Amino acid sequence: MTIYSITNMSCGHCKAAVEKTVLGFDPNATLSFDMPARTVAIDTGRDDAMLREALKNAGYPAVMA
């Protein structure tokens, strides 16, 4: 599981968009959000760089926390 910081993830809509993007990238991924910290823990077997690219393309650039 990798924790990502997504600084512009601030509301329920943002959370849903991140979730939709990650699950579209890997339907078997699991996510755990910490909205006050603006982080998400993602467990996926997929390539990290490709996942971050998908999030960036969705408008939610992520960096490892």
C-alpha atoms as a PDB file:
ATOM      1  CA  MET A   1       0.000   0.000   0.000  1.00  0.00           C
ATOM      2  CA  THR A   2       1.343   3.415  -0.975  1.00  0.00           C
ATOM      3  CA  ILE A   3       0.233   6.721   0.526  1.00  0.00           C
ATOM      4  CA  TYR A   4      -0.160   9.641  -1.855  1.00  0.00           C
ATOM      5  CA  SER A   5      -0.618  13.304  -1.068  1.00  0.00           C
ATOM      6  CA  ILE A   6      -3.155  15.020  -3.320  1.00  0.00           C
ATOM      7  CA  THR A   7      -3.168  18.659  -2.262  1.00  0.00           C
ATOM      8  CA  ASN A   8      -6.202  19.712  -4.308  1.00  0.00           C
ATOM      9  CA  MET A   9      -8.427  16.878  -3.000  1.00  0.00           C
ATOM     10  CA  SER A  10     -10.649  18.851  -0.659  1.00  0.00           C
ATOM     11  CA  CYS A  11     -14.226  17.584  -0.872  1.00  0.00           C
ATOM     12  CA  GLY A  12     -16.456  14.591  -1.465  1.00  0.00           C
ATOM     13  CA  HIS A  13     -16.552  15.280  -5.201  1.00  0.00           C
ATOM     14  CA  CYS A  14     -12.750  15.221  -5.326  1.00  0.00           C
ATOM     15  CA  LYS A  15     -12.692  11.960  -3.370  1.00  0.00           C
ATOM     16  CA  ALA A  16     -15.197  10.398  -5.786  1.00  0.00           C
ATOM     17  CA  ALA A  17     -13.167  11.557  -8.802  1.00  0.00           C
ATOM     18  CA  VAL A  18      -9.952  10.094  -7.380  1.00  0.00           C
ATOM     19  CA  GLU A  19     -11.733   6.847  -6.547  1.00  0.00           C
ATOM     20  CA  LYS A  20     -13.254   6.622 -10.033  1.00  0.00           C
ATOM     21  CA  THR A  21      -9.865   7.271 -11.647  1.00  0.00           C
ATOM     22  CA  VAL A  22      -8.029   4.680  -9.562  1.00  0.00           C
ATOM     23  CA  LEU A  23     -10.712   2.017  -9.961  1.00  0.00           C
ATOM     24  CA  GLY A  24     -10.846   2.709 -13.699  1.00  0.00           C
ATOM     25  CA  PHE A  25      -7.102   2.125 -13.779  1.00  0.00           C
ATOM     26  CA  ASP A  26      -7.251  -0.965 -11.529  1.00  0.00           C
ATOM     27  CA  PRO A  27     -10.694  -2.329 -10.616  1.00  0.00           C
ATOM     28  CA  ASN A  28      -9.105  -4.467  -7.871  1.00  0.00           C
ATOM     29  CA  ALA A  29      -7.389  -1.567  -6.106  1.00  0.00           C
ATOM     30  CA  THR A  30      -8.304  -0.669  -2.545  1.00  0.00           C
ATOM     31  CA  LEU A  31      -8.323   2.914  -1.313  1.00  0.00           C
ATOM     32  CA  SER A  32      -8.331   4.477   2.128  1.00  0.00           C
ATOM     33  CA  PHE A  33      -8.821   8.249   2.340  1.00  0.00           C
ATOM     34  CA  ASP A  34      -7.701  10.732   4.982  1.00  0.00           C
ATOM     35  CA  MET A  35      -9.508  13.834   3.762  1.00  0.00           C
ATOM     36  CA  PRO A  36      -8.236  16.281   6.439  1.00  0.00           C
ATOM     37  CA  ALA A  37      -4.652  15.311   5.537  1.00  0.00           C
ATOM     38  CA  ARG A  38      -5.518  15.203   1.811  1.00  0.00           C
ATOM     39  CA  THR A  39      -3.947  11.785   1.424  1.00  0.00           C
ATOM     40  CA  VAL A  40      -5.061   8.462   0.036  1.00  0.00           C
ATOM     41  CA  ALA A  41      -3.540   5.041   0.629  1.00  0.00           C
ATOM     42  CA  ILE A  42      -3.800   2.917  -2.498  1.00  0.00           C
ATOM     43  CA  ASP A  43      -3.137  -0.795  -2.719  1.00  0.00           C
ATOM     44  CA  THR A  44      -2.644  -1.850  -6.331  1.00  0.00           C
ATOM     45  CA  GLY A  45      -0.437  -4.226  -8.223  1.00  0.00           C
ATOM     46  CA  ARG A  46      -0.229  -1.794 -11.122  1.00  0.00           C
ATOM     47  CA  ASP A  47       2.681   0.458 -12.075  1.00  0.00           C
ATOM     48  CA  ASP A  48       3.037   3.478  -9.763  1.00  0.00           C
ATOM     49  CA  ALA A  49       4.122   5.905 -12.496  1.00  0.00           C
ATOM     50  CA  MET A  50       1.126   4.975 -14.639  1.00  0.00           C
ATOM     51  CA  LEU A  51      -1.220   5.396 -11.676  1.00  0.00           C
ATOM     52  CA  ARG A  52       0.178   8.857 -10.920  1.00  0.00           C
ATOM     53  CA  GLU A  53      -0.145   9.764 -14.609  1.00  0.00           C
ATOM     54  CA  ALA A  54      -3.816   8.707 -14.588  1.00  0.00           C
ATOM     55  CA  LEU A  55      -4.447  10.836 -11.488  1.00  0.00           C
ATOM     56  CA  LYS A  56      -2.614  13.788 -13.034  1.00  0.00           C
ATOM     57  CA  ASN A  57      -4.707  13.491 -16.211  1.00  0.00           C
ATOM     58  CA  ALA A  58      -7.853  13.506 -14.061  1.00  0.00           C
ATOM     59  CA  GLY A  59      -6.739  16.778 -12.454  1.00  0.00           C
ATOM     60  CA  TYR A  60      -5.451  15.305  -9.195  1.00  0.00           C
ATOM     61  CA  PRO A  61      -1.653  15.175  -9.325  1.00  0.00           C
ATOM     62  CA  ALA A  62      -0.317  12.906  -6.606  1.00  0.00           C
ATOM     63  CA  VAL A  63       3.050  12.588  -4.916  1.00  0.00           C
ATOM     64  CA  MET A  64       4.164   9.904  -2.510  1.00  0.00           C
ATOM     65  CA  ALA A  65       3.598  11.106   1.024  1.00  0.00           C
END
